[in-house]
């Protein structure tokens, strides 16, 4: 089932791609209230099929350390509400970031991250 985009989400998509130059695939659904870092917008890379929940935060910078790095989200990843992905983290393909998780290290393909700081565990296989 495909999610519908509001007019605000459509405007945000155009701004992120054309004005700020973020690398976000058109097949990504981003909630209106999600915060995608604009301090280093070229550091955002989001692959197709991702869903980013309400008030989730994806960062690419840390001004206290003068850090500007790429943050990558793999294809088919679900990022829950109010989850935070810190700068320089790579989230693999098919991952689940639980709501409220603070992801401070890379997440391998097909794993689940939960908690603060996030503990990472393999995903259960899909039921047959």
Protein backbone atom coordinates (compact mmCIF):
# COMPACT_ATOMS: atom_id res chain seq x y z
CA UNK A 1 0.00 0.00 0.00
CA UNK A 2 1.39 3.35 -1.00
CA UNK A 3 1.18 6.25 1.45
CA UNK A 4 -0.35 9.51 0.32
CA UNK A 5 1.60 12.73 0.50
CA UNK A 6 0.05 15.96 1.72
CA UNK A 7 0.67 19.19 -0.17
CA UNK A 8 3.15 20.20 2.56
CA UNK A 9 5.14 16.97 2.05
CA UNK A 10 5.23 17.58 -1.71
CA UNK A 11 6.59 21.10 -1.21
CA UNK A 12 9.14 19.82 1.32
CA UNK A 13 10.26 17.14 -1.17
CA UNK A 14 10.86 19.75 -3.89
CA UNK A 15 12.75 22.04 -1.51
CA UNK A 16 14.94 19.24 -0.18
CA UNK A 17 15.86 17.97 -3.63
CA UNK A 18 16.15 21.13 -5.71
CA UNK A 19 16.94 23.95 -3.28
CA UNK A 20 19.07 22.15 -0.72
CA UNK A 21 20.44 19.38 -2.98
CA UNK A 22 19.67 16.42 -0.72
CA UNK A 23 19.99 12.94 -2.24
CA UNK A 24 16.51 11.60 -1.43
CA UNK A 25 14.90 9.04 -3.75
CA UNK A 26 11.38 9.98 -4.96
CA UNK A 27 10.03 6.71 -3.50
CA UNK A 28 10.70 7.80 0.09
CA UNK A 29 7.86 8.80 2.43
CA UNK A 30 8.84 11.46 4.98
CA UNK A 31 6.41 12.70 7.64
CA UNK A 32 5.68 16.43 7.64
CA UNK A 33 7.22 16.87 11.08
CA UNK A 34 10.42 14.90 10.43
CA UNK A 35 13.60 16.98 10.69
CA UNK A 36 16.14 16.36 7.93
CA UNK A 37 19.36 18.31 8.58
CA UNK A 38 19.79 21.41 6.42
CA UNK A 39 23.12 22.51 7.89
CA UNK A 40 24.96 20.07 5.59
CA UNK A 41 22.19 19.06 3.13
CA UNK A 42 24.48 17.35 0.61
CA UNK A 43 25.33 14.84 3.33
CA UNK A 44 21.82 13.35 3.31
CA UNK A 45 21.48 10.12 1.27
CA UNK A 46 18.18 8.21 1.50
CA UNK A 47 17.54 5.17 -0.73
CA UNK A 48 14.15 4.10 -2.19
CA UNK A 49 11.35 2.59 -0.16
CA UNK A 50 12.18 4.25 3.16
CA UNK A 51 9.57 5.50 5.61
CA UNK A 52 10.55 8.24 8.06
CA UNK A 53 8.12 8.74 10.94
CA UNK A 54 6.80 11.75 12.83
CA UNK A 55 9.41 14.01 14.45
CA UNK A 56 12.29 11.71 13.47
CA UNK A 57 15.64 13.51 13.19
CA UNK A 58 18.44 12.75 10.72
CA UNK A 59 21.62 14.76 11.31
CA UNK A 60 24.73 15.37 9.20
CA UNK A 61 26.58 17.86 11.39
CA UNK A 62 27.90 18.41 14.89
CA UNK A 63 28.85 22.05 15.37
CA UNK A 64 30.56 21.40 18.73
CA UNK A 65 33.21 19.33 16.94
CA UNK A 66 33.05 21.08 13.56
CA UNK A 67 31.90 17.81 12.02
CA UNK A 68 30.12 17.68 8.64
CA UNK A 69 29.69 14.11 7.38
CA UNK A 70 27.41 12.00 5.17
CA UNK A 71 24.52 10.14 6.77
CA UNK A 72 23.11 7.27 4.70
CA UNK A 73 19.81 5.41 4.98
CA UNK A 74 19.52 2.12 3.04
CA UNK A 75 16.62 0.97 0.88
CA UNK A 76 13.44 -0.24 2.57
CA UNK A 77 14.34 1.09 6.01
CA UNK A 78 11.68 2.17 8.51
CA UNK A 79 12.57 4.97 10.94
CA UNK A 80 10.07 5.26 13.79
CA UNK A 81 8.65 8.38 15.39
CA UNK A 82 11.10 10.57 17.32
CA UNK A 83 14.08 8.39 16.43
CA UNK A 84 17.39 10.26 16.11
CA UNK A 85 20.15 9.27 13.69
CA UNK A 86 23.42 11.01 14.48
CA UNK A 87 25.89 12.39 11.91
CA UNK A 88 28.03 9.94 9.93
CA UNK A 89 25.86 6.90 10.64
CA UNK A 90 25.07 4.43 7.86
CA UNK A 91 21.81 2.52 8.29
CA UNK A 92 21.74 -0.59 6.11
CA UNK A 93 19.06 -1.94 3.83
CA UNK A 94 15.79 -3.25 5.29
CA UNK A 95 16.44 -2.00 8.82
CA UNK A 96 13.96 -0.99 11.48
CA UNK A 97 14.80 1.92 13.74
CA UNK A 98 12.36 1.69 16.63
CA UNK A 99 10.52 4.83 17.80
CA UNK A 100 12.64 6.95 20.15
CA UNK A 101 15.92 5.17 19.32
CA UNK A 102 19.17 7.15 19.36
CA UNK A 103 21.37 5.63 16.65
CA UNK A 104 25.01 6.56 17.26
CA UNK A 105 26.75 3.82 15.23
CA UNK A 106 26.29 2.02 11.92
CA UNK A 107 23.44 -0.47 11.59
CA UNK A 108 24.08 -3.52 9.33
CA UNK A 109 21.54 -4.67 6.73
CA UNK A 110 18.34 -6.25 8.08
CA UNK A 111 18.86 -5.33 11.74
CA UNK A 112 16.72 -3.59 14.37
CA UNK A 113 17.96 -0.65 16.46
CA UNK A 114 16.16 0.22 19.68
CA UNK A 115 16.83 2.19 22.85
CA UNK A 116 19.09 5.05 23.89
CA UNK A 117 21.83 4.49 22.89
CA UNK A 118 20.53 2.03 20.34
CA UNK A 119 21.23 -1.65 20.80
CA UNK A 120 21.37 -3.47 17.49
CA UNK A 121 20.01 -6.96 16.88
CA UNK A 122 19.25 -9.03 13.75
CA UNK A 123 15.68 -8.83 12.45
CA UNK A 124 13.45 -11.85 12.78
CA UNK A 125 12.82 -13.43 9.40
CA UNK A 126 9.47 -12.62 7.80
CA UNK A 127 6.76 -15.20 8.53
CA UNK A 128 6.14 -17.63 5.68
